[in-house]
């Protein structure tokens, strides 16, 4: 119903989709906590722990799929409301620049450099507006900095910031050179483009752009080699620049963004003070940016690993006797990396599968107040179906990212 409302809401579809998603999430959380407390369980299933657990898991899985559908609907409306926001931000920046120039011109007077700066901002804003319109179906100006997993890419955002600053500075010098009537003034502008003045800036632009390309290659190779698990996000969020895929704060990403902001601000001030040449970025500051970029790249190499099964044991409740694994028993699979970053939502948890021999067993969702007791990143509990033949069988886990773990042999007794 929420999806239908979102589709029928006319000019306010984005709001309808978001509101429908929020209501679906609230209903799911209430249902999960109710089932965790034993509410709503059919009386006919109360005598069988296995049957009641399966019924609860199926109910939660179906509800989780409904929530995911509403989330995808809200994600599809994201570009149409964001691309206009990116354009508004750009022109808001131009307006702020014009106010700053007008304020600083009081007493000092209006100069050709101020005119060139305003015209360069207008030209850059026009180019960015055209780019946003062409990519309006993918978030406007955010489209170039989106990763393949539908998250904002820190490396691409940093490279885009340096590239945009370099383009603005070049436009400023080009306009000053065009307006210069005095040969000495033209010579001054041309000297400002010499490598001795801009070597630090060019080095930083080159390295940050190279880092963005290398990171994309590293992620692609590691995902295809099953050494890194990637789960697509429903929509990008601003926090993606400072966090990992699970939404936890990332030191390497945060320091890269912070150093970049400080260095770009320094370069902007340097350009303001000396508008006749490209900013002379000191090598000490350039080295700081390069160290930050290297740390970020090293962090990308270090993150992620293939999920692994370490052991499989028979799950034993209080009062049970020790016994071999038989069909109908629960087994506990211990390991690491079963829940990849970003796959902690109920709909993705329900996609996890354990392959016992030739039988595929979906991991049941076991709710507890505030979350799920099963599955977890280190432990999975699943029943051994009656279709599993006695004898030695392989046990493997297939995560929500589609990565299959190593095999562990277990003995299923008659």
Protein backbone atom coordinates (compact mmCIF):
# COMPACT_ATOMS: atom_id res chain seq x y z
CA UNK A 1 0.00 0.00 0.00
CA UNK A 2 2.86 2.37 0.80
CA UNK A 3 4.38 1.76 -2.64
CA UNK A 4 1.04 2.44 -4.33
CA UNK A 5 0.67 5.67 -2.36
CA UNK A 6 4.17 6.70 -3.42
CA UNK A 7 3.34 6.07 -7.07
CA UNK A 8 0.02 7.96 -6.87
CA UNK A 9 1.22 10.98 -4.93
CA UNK A 10 1.66 13.17 -7.98
CA UNK A 11 4.29 15.86 -7.55
CA UNK A 12 5.22 14.64 -4.06
CA UNK A 13 6.31 11.10 -4.94
CA UNK A 14 9.64 11.40 -3.16
CA UNK A 15 7.90 12.33 0.09
CA UNK A 16 5.35 9.53 -0.33
CA UNK A 17 8.03 6.90 -0.90
CA UNK A 18 10.07 8.02 2.10
CA UNK A 19 7.00 8.12 4.34
CA UNK A 20 5.94 4.66 3.16
CA UNK A 21 9.39 3.29 3.90
CA UNK A 22 9.43 4.78 7.40
CA UNK A 23 6.02 3.27 8.18
CA UNK A 24 7.11 -0.13 6.85
CA UNK A 25 10.27 -0.06 8.99
CA UNK A 26 8.30 0.88 12.10
CA UNK A 27 5.80 -1.94 11.46
CA UNK A 28 8.62 -4.46 10.97
CA UNK A 29 10.40 -3.46 14.19
CA UNK A 30 7.17 -3.77 16.15
CA UNK A 31 6.49 -7.18 14.62
CA UNK A 32 10.03 -8.39 15.29
CA UNK A 33 9.97 -7.34 18.94
CA UNK A 34 6.50 -8.84 19.36
CA UNK A 35 7.56 -12.20 17.96
CA UNK A 36 10.71 -12.09 20.10
CA UNK A 37 8.42 -11.77 23.14
CA UNK A 38 6.30 -14.71 21.97
CA UNK A 39 3.33 -12.64 20.81
CA UNK A 40 1.30 -13.69 17.77
CA UNK A 41 2.61 -17.25 17.59
CA UNK A 42 -0.10 -19.72 16.42
CA UNK A 43 -1.20 -22.09 19.19
CA UNK A 44 -0.87 -25.08 16.85
CA UNK A 45 2.89 -24.49 16.60
CA UNK A 46 3.56 -23.94 20.29
CA UNK A 47 4.37 -27.63 20.88
CA UNK A 48 7.20 -27.69 18.32
CA UNK A 49 10.22 -25.45 18.81
CA UNK A 50 11.47 -26.15 15.29
CA UNK A 51 8.11 -25.48 13.63
CA UNK A 52 7.51 -22.26 15.60
CA UNK A 53 11.03 -21.04 14.83
CA UNK A 54 10.54 -21.69 11.11
CA UNK A 55 7.15 -19.95 11.14
CA UNK A 56 8.64 -16.89 12.87
CA UNK A 57 11.53 -16.82 10.40
CA UNK A 58 9.17 -17.03 7.40
CA UNK A 59 6.99 -14.24 8.78
CA UNK A 60 9.97 -11.99 9.38
CA UNK A 61 11.46 -12.79 5.98
CA UNK A 62 8.24 -11.82 4.22
CA UNK A 63 8.00 -8.59 6.21
CA UNK A 64 11.67 -7.83 5.55
CA UNK A 65 11.11 -8.20 1.82
CA UNK A 66 8.23 -5.73 2.00
CA UNK A 67 10.46 -3.26 3.85
CA UNK A 68 13.23 -3.73 1.27
CA UNK A 69 10.77 -3.06 -1.56
CA UNK A 70 9.73 0.20 0.05
CA UNK A 71 13.38 1.07 0.56
CA UNK A 72 14.11 0.48 -3.11
CA UNK A 73 11.10 2.60 -4.04
CA UNK A 74 12.43 5.43 -1.88
CA UNK A 75 15.87 4.93 -3.46
CA UNK A 76 14.41 5.29 -6.95
CA UNK A 77 12.98 8.71 -6.03
CA UNK A 78 16.33 9.85 -4.63
CA UNK A 79 17.89 11.18 -7.88
CA UNK A 80 14.95 13.40 -8.78
CA UNK A 81 15.11 15.29 -5.48
CA UNK A 82 18.90 15.36 -5.16
CA UNK A 83 20.05 16.63 -8.54
CA UNK A 84 18.19 19.91 -8.08
CA UNK A 85 19.74 20.19 -4.64
CA UNK A 86 23.23 19.88 -6.09
CA UNK A 87 22.49 22.66 -8.57
CA UNK A 88 21.07 24.86 -5.81
CA UNK A 89 24.23 24.26 -3.76
CA UNK A 90 26.46 25.31 -6.66
CA UNK A 91 24.60 28.53 -7.32
CA UNK A 92 24.41 29.19 -3.59
CA UNK A 93 28.20 29.02 -3.57
CA UNK A 94 28.37 31.55 -6.43
CA UNK A 95 26.05 33.88 -4.51
CA UNK A 96 28.17 33.53 -1.37
CA UNK A 97 31.31 34.31 -3.38
CA UNK A 98 29.72 37.42 -4.84
CA UNK A 99 28.71 38.62 -1.36
CA UNK A 100 32.22 37.96 -0.04
CA UNK A 101 33.81 39.88 -2.91
CA UNK A 102 31.41 42.77 -2.47
CA UNK A 103 32.09 42.89 1.27
CA UNK A 104 35.87 42.80 0.90
CA UNK A 105 35.73 45.41 -1.87
CA UNK A 106 34.43 48.02 0.56
CA UNK A 107 37.30 50.41 1.11
CA UNK A 108 39.74 48.48 -1.06
CA UNK A 109 37.75 49.00 -4.24
CA UNK A 110 36.68 46.66 -7.01
CA UNK A 111 39.57 45.13 -8.95
CA UNK A 112 39.86 43.19 -12.24
CA UNK A 113 40.81 40.11 -10.18
CA UNK A 114 37.42 40.25 -8.42
CA UNK A 115 35.64 40.47 -11.75
CA UNK A 116 37.63 37.54 -13.12
CA UNK A 117 36.90 35.49 -10.00
CA UNK A 118 33.16 36.11 -10.27
CA UNK A 119 33.12 35.33 -13.99
CA UNK A 120 35.15 32.15 -13.41
CA UNK A 121 32.65 31.08 -10.76
CA UNK A 122 29.75 31.74 -13.13
CA UNK A 123 31.44 29.74 -15.90
CA UNK A 124 32.21 26.83 -13.57
CA UNK A 125 28.67 26.90 -12.19
CA UNK A 126 27.28 26.80 -15.72
CA UNK A 127 29.38 23.76 -16.58
CA UNK A 128 28.38 22.03 -13.35
CA UNK A 129 24.71 22.81 -13.97
CA UNK A 130 24.87 21.26 -17.43
CA UNK A 131 26.62 18.21 -15.97
CA UNK A 132 23.97 17.88 -13.26
CA UNK A 133 21.18 18.07 -15.83
CA UNK A 134 22.75 15.42 -18.04
CA UNK A 135 23.13 13.11 -15.02
CA UNK A 136 19.83 14.03 -13.36
CA UNK A 137 18.71 10.38 -13.41
CA UNK A 138 21.72 9.46 -11.25
CA UNK A 139 21.82 12.22 -8.67
CA UNK A 140 23.12 15.17 -10.69
CA UNK A 141 26.60 16.25 -9.62
CA UNK A 142 26.88 13.27 -7.29
CA UNK A 143 26.85 10.83 -10.22
CA UNK A 144 30.62 11.06 -10.92
CA UNK A 145 31.47 10.30 -7.28
CA UNK A 146 29.14 7.31 -6.89
CA UNK A 147 30.76 3.90 -6.60
CA UNK A 148 29.49 0.71 -8.19
CA UNK A 149 27.91 -0.22 -4.84
CA UNK A 150 25.70 2.92 -4.97
CA UNK A 151 27.64 4.62 -2.18
CA UNK A 152 29.56 7.89 -2.29
CA UNK A 153 33.19 7.12 -3.01
CA UNK A 154 35.71 8.90 -0.79
CA UNK A 155 38.53 8.61 -3.33
CA UNK A 156 36.41 9.97 -6.17
CA UNK A 157 35.06 12.82 -4.03
CA UNK A 158 38.58 13.88 -3.03
CA UNK A 159 39.82 13.72 -6.63
CA UNK A 160 36.77 15.68 -7.79
CA UNK A 161 37.40 18.39 -5.17
CA UNK A 162 41.00 18.90 -6.30
CA UNK A 163 40.07 18.74 -9.97
CA UNK A 164 37.26 21.28 -9.56
CA UNK A 165 39.55 23.66 -7.69
CA UNK A 166 42.22 23.36 -10.40
CA UNK A 167 39.62 24.07 -13.12
CA UNK A 168 38.37 27.17 -11.28
CA UNK A 169 41.91 28.50 -10.80
CA UNK A 170 42.71 27.94 -14.49
CA UNK A 171 39.51 29.71 -15.58
CA UNK A 172 40.42 32.62 -13.32
CA UNK A 173 43.85 33.01 -14.93
CA UNK A 174 42.40 32.60 -18.43
CA UNK A 175 39.92 35.43 -17.81
CA UNK A 176 42.64 37.64 -16.35
CA UNK A 177 44.83 36.96 -19.37
CA UNK A 178 41.93 37.82 -21.69
CA UNK A 179 41.21 41.10 -19.94
CA UNK A 180 44.85 42.15 -19.57
CA UNK A 181 45.78 45.05 -21.88
CA UNK A 182 49.24 45.74 -20.48
CA UNK A 183 52.02 43.43 -21.80
CA UNK A 184 53.62 43.33 -18.35
CA UNK A 185 50.35 42.17 -16.82
CA UNK A 186 49.98 39.43 -19.44
CA UNK A 187 53.55 38.33 -18.77
CA UNK A 188 52.82 38.17 -15.05
CA UNK A 189 49.82 35.92 -15.63
CA UNK A 190 51.79 33.64 -17.95
CA UNK A 191 54.59 33.35 -15.40
CA UNK A 192 51.97 32.28 -12.89
CA UNK A 193 51.33 29.17 -15.00
CA UNK A 194 54.93 28.03 -14.90
CA UNK A 195 55.67 24.67 -13.32
CA UNK A 196 57.84 26.18 -10.60
CA UNK A 197 54.72 27.83 -9.13
CA UNK A 198 52.23 25.01 -9.47
CA UNK A 199 54.26 21.79 -9.14
CA UNK A 200 52.82 21.01 -5.71
CA UNK A 201 49.23 21.51 -6.85
CA UNK A 202 49.73 19.43 -10.00
CA UNK A 203 51.32 16.63 -7.98
CA UNK A 204 48.38 16.53 -5.58
CA UNK A 205 45.81 16.56 -8.41
CA UNK A 206 47.65 13.75 -10.21
CA UNK A 207 48.11 11.55 -7.13
CA UNK A 208 44.53 11.92 -5.86
CA UNK A 209 43.15 11.15 -9.32
CA UNK A 210 45.47 8.14 -9.59
CA UNK A 211 44.35 6.95 -6.14
CA UNK A 212 40.71 7.04 -7.30
CA UNK A 213 41.54 4.84 -10.31
CA UNK A 214 43.71 2.43 -8.32
CA UNK A 215 41.09 2.04 -5.57
CA UNK A 216 38.43 1.17 -8.13
CA UNK A 217 40.74 -1.46 -9.63
CA UNK A 218 41.65 -2.85 -6.21
CA UNK A 219 38.01 -3.19 -5.15
CA UNK A 220 37.00 -4.81 -8.44
CA UNK A 221 39.83 -7.37 -8.35
CA UNK A 222 39.22 -8.24 -4.70
CA UNK A 223 35.47 -8.65 -5.21
CA UNK A 224 35.95 -10.90 -8.25
CA UNK A 225 38.59 -12.86 -6.33
CA UNK A 226 36.12 -13.29 -3.42
CA UNK A 227 38.52 -11.57 -1.03
CA UNK A 228 36.13 -8.66 -0.46
CA UNK A 229 32.36 -8.75 0.00
CA UNK A 230 30.35 -5.84 -1.41
CA UNK A 231 26.62 -5.35 -0.92
CA UNK A 232 24.83 -2.67 -2.93
CA UNK A 233 23.26 0.14 -0.91
CA UNK A 234 19.68 1.25 -1.48
CA UNK A 235 20.84 4.86 -1.91
CA UNK A 236 23.91 7.01 -1.24
CA UNK A 237 24.30 8.96 2.00
CA UNK A 238 26.61 11.79 2.92
CA UNK A 239 28.10 9.70 5.71
CA UNK A 240 29.51 7.28 3.12
CA UNK A 241 32.51 9.60 2.79
CA UNK A 242 33.49 9.01 6.43
CA UNK A 243 32.32 5.45 7.13
CA UNK A 244 32.73 1.91 5.89
CA UNK A 245 29.99 -0.08 4.15
CA UNK A 246 28.44 -1.00 7.50
CA UNK A 247 28.09 2.65 8.51
CA UNK A 248 30.87 2.51 11.12
CA UNK A 249 33.35 5.38 11.27
CA UNK A 250 36.46 4.77 9.18
CA UNK A 251 39.73 6.35 10.31
CA UNK A 252 41.38 6.14 6.89
CA UNK A 253 38.42 7.73 5.09
CA UNK A 254 37.89 10.43 7.71
CA UNK A 255 41.54 11.54 7.79
CA UNK A 256 41.65 11.63 3.97
CA UNK A 257 38.60 13.90 3.82
CA UNK A 258 39.80 16.11 6.68
CA UNK A 259 43.29 16.64 5.23
CA UNK A 260 41.80 17.34 1.80
CA UNK A 261 39.40 19.97 3.16
CA UNK A 262 42.21 21.71 5.03
CA UNK A 263 44.55 21.67 2.02
CA UNK A 264 41.89 22.88 -0.45
CA UNK A 265 41.00 25.71 1.93
CA UNK A 266 44.67 26.69 2.17
CA UNK A 267 45.01 26.65 -1.63
CA UNK A 268 41.86 28.79 -1.96
CA UNK A 269 43.27 31.37 0.44
CA UNK A 270 46.57 31.33 -1.45
CA UNK A 271 44.69 31.91 -4.71
CA UNK A 272 42.79 34.80 -3.14
CA UNK A 273 46.01 36.43 -2.01
CA UNK A 274 47.80 35.89 -5.34
CA UNK A 275 45.15 35.74 -8.09
CA UNK A 276 47.75 36.26 -10.83
CA UNK A 277 49.07 32.69 -10.68
CA UNK A 278 48.10 29.15 -9.79
CA UNK A 279 48.32 28.51 -6.05
CA UNK A 280 51.84 27.76 -4.89
CA UNK A 281 51.04 24.76 -2.71
CA UNK A 282 53.96 24.30 -0.29
CA UNK A 283 55.68 20.95 -0.57
CA UNK A 284 55.16 20.33 3.12
CA UNK A 285 51.37 20.57 2.69
CA UNK A 286 51.54 18.55 -0.54
CA UNK A 287 53.49 15.85 1.30
CA UNK A 288 50.79 15.80 4.00
CA UNK A 289 48.13 15.18 1.35
CA UNK A 290 50.26 12.43 -0.23
CA UNK A 291 50.77 10.71 3.13
CA UNK A 292 47.04 10.89 3.77
CA UNK A 293 46.32 9.43 0.32
CA UNK A 294 48.81 6.62 0.91
CA UNK A 295 47.19 5.80 4.25
CA UNK A 296 43.78 5.68 2.59
CA UNK A 297 45.06 3.37 -0.14
CA UNK A 298 46.71 1.08 2.40
CA UNK A 299 43.43 0.91 4.28
CA UNK A 300 41.64 -0.19 1.10
CA UNK A 301 44.17 -2.97 0.61
CA UNK A 302 43.76 -4.09 4.22
CA UNK A 303 39.97 -4.15 4.44
CA UNK A 304 37.86 -7.22 3.77
CA UNK A 305 38.56 -10.91 3.77
CA UNK A 306 36.89 -14.06 2.54
CA UNK A 307 34.33 -15.59 4.92
CA UNK A 308 35.56 -18.76 6.54
CA UNK A 309 34.00 -21.70 8.36
CA UNK A 310 36.20 -22.83 11.24
CA UNK A 311 34.11 -25.60 12.79
CA UNK A 312 30.67 -27.22 12.86
CA UNK A 313 29.21 -28.66 16.07
CA UNK A 314 25.88 -30.02 17.19
CA UNK A 315 23.85 -27.34 18.93
CA UNK A 316 23.01 -28.47 22.45
CA UNK A 317 20.33 -26.99 24.67
CA UNK A 318 20.32 -27.20 28.46
CA UNK A 319 19.39 -30.71 29.55
CA UNK A 320 20.23 -32.41 26.24
CA UNK A 321 22.53 -35.39 26.20
CA UNK A 322 25.73 -35.31 24.18
CA UNK A 323 25.20 -37.14 20.89
CA UNK A 324 26.36 -37.21 17.25
CA UNK A 325 24.73 -35.04 14.59
CA UNK A 326 21.55 -36.56 13.20
CA UNK A 327 18.90 -35.30 10.81
CA UNK A 328 16.54 -32.97 12.63
CA UNK A 329 19.27 -31.68 14.93
CA UNK A 330 20.47 -28.10 14.93
CA UNK A 331 24.09 -27.49 14.02
CA UNK A 332 26.15 -24.48 15.02
CA UNK A 333 28.52 -23.18 12.33
CA UNK A 334 31.38 -21.15 13.76
CA UNK A 335 33.60 -18.91 11.69
CA UNK A 336 34.00 -15.29 10.58
CA UNK A 337 32.72 -12.94 7.90
CA UNK A 338 29.25 -14.47 7.54
CA UNK A 339 27.54 -11.05 7.56
CA UNK A 340 29.42 -8.71 5.20
CA UNK A 341 29.42 -4.94 5.87
CA UNK A 342 26.12 -3.43 4.79
CA UNK A 343 24.28 -6.77 4.88
CA UNK A 344 22.90 -6.44 8.39
CA UNK A 345 19.36 -5.63 7.23
CA UNK A 346 16.75 -8.36 7.79
CA UNK A 347 16.08 -8.80 4.08
CA UNK A 348 19.76 -9.50 3.39
CA UNK A 349 20.18 -11.68 6.47
CA UNK A 350 17.33 -13.82 5.14
CA UNK A 351 19.33 -14.45 1.93
CA UNK A 352 22.01 -16.42 3.75
CA UNK A 353 22.14 -20.11 2.87
CA UNK A 354 23.99 -23.08 4.31
CA UNK A 355 24.73 -25.93 1.89
CA UNK A 356 24.76 -29.28 3.69
CA UNK A 357 25.76 -31.85 1.12
CA UNK A 358 23.36 -31.33 -1.77
CA UNK A 359 20.67 -29.64 0.35
CA UNK A 360 20.42 -25.85 0.60
CA UNK A 361 19.14 -24.66 3.99
CA UNK A 362 18.05 -21.04 4.45
CA UNK A 363 19.34 -19.63 7.71
CA UNK A 364 16.36 -18.93 10.00
CA UNK A 365 15.90 -15.48 11.49
CA UNK A 366 15.70 -15.74 15.29
CA UNK A 367 14.50 -12.41 16.73
CA UNK A 368 15.43 -10.94 20.08
CA UNK A 369 14.43 -7.50 21.39
CA UNK A 370 16.37 -4.96 19.36
CA UNK A 371 17.87 -7.36 16.80
CA UNK A 372 18.50 -10.96 15.84
CA UNK A 373 20.23 -13.79 17.69
CA UNK A 374 20.69 -15.67 14.41
CA UNK A 375 22.43 -15.22 12.02
CA UNK A 376 25.49 -13.39 13.31
CA UNK A 377 28.86 -12.64 11.81
CA UNK A 378 30.61 -15.46 13.72
CA UNK A 379 27.90 -18.06 14.38
CA UNK A 380 25.02 -19.54 12.38
CA UNK A 381 22.48 -22.07 13.63
CA UNK A 382 20.51 -24.18 11.13
CA UNK A 383 18.59 -27.47 11.30
CA UNK A 384 19.83 -30.56 9.45
CA UNK A 385 16.98 -31.48 7.03
CA UNK A 386 15.72 -35.03 6.67
CA UNK A 387 16.85 -34.95 3.01
CA UNK A 388 20.51 -35.02 4.10
CA UNK A 389 21.89 -38.53 3.63
CA UNK A 390 23.79 -40.05 6.58
CA UNK A 391 27.55 -40.11 6.23
CA UNK A 392 30.23 -37.52 5.69
CA UNK A 393 28.86 -34.36 4.08
CA UNK A 394 30.30 -30.94 3.28
CA UNK A 395 28.99 -27.83 5.00
CA UNK A 396 29.42 -24.46 3.30
CA UNK A 397 27.94 -21.01 3.90
CA UNK A 398 26.79 -18.67 1.11
CA UNK A 399 26.63 -15.07 2.35
CA UNK A 400 24.29 -12.31 1.24
CA UNK A 401 27.07 -11.01 -1.05
CA UNK A 402 27.04 -14.35 -2.92
CA UNK A 403 30.45 -15.49 -1.62
CA UNK A 404 30.80 -19.16 -0.69
CA UNK A 405 33.01 -20.23 2.19
CA UNK A 406 35.38 -23.15 2.46
CA UNK A 407 33.98 -26.63 3.13
CA UNK A 408 33.99 -28.44 6.47
CA UNK A 409 33.28 -32.19 6.55
CA UNK A 410 30.86 -33.42 9.22
CA UNK A 411 29.56 -36.87 10.01
CA UNK A 412 25.76 -37.26 9.99
CA UNK A 413 24.75 -40.39 11.92
CA UNK A 414 21.77 -42.63 11.19
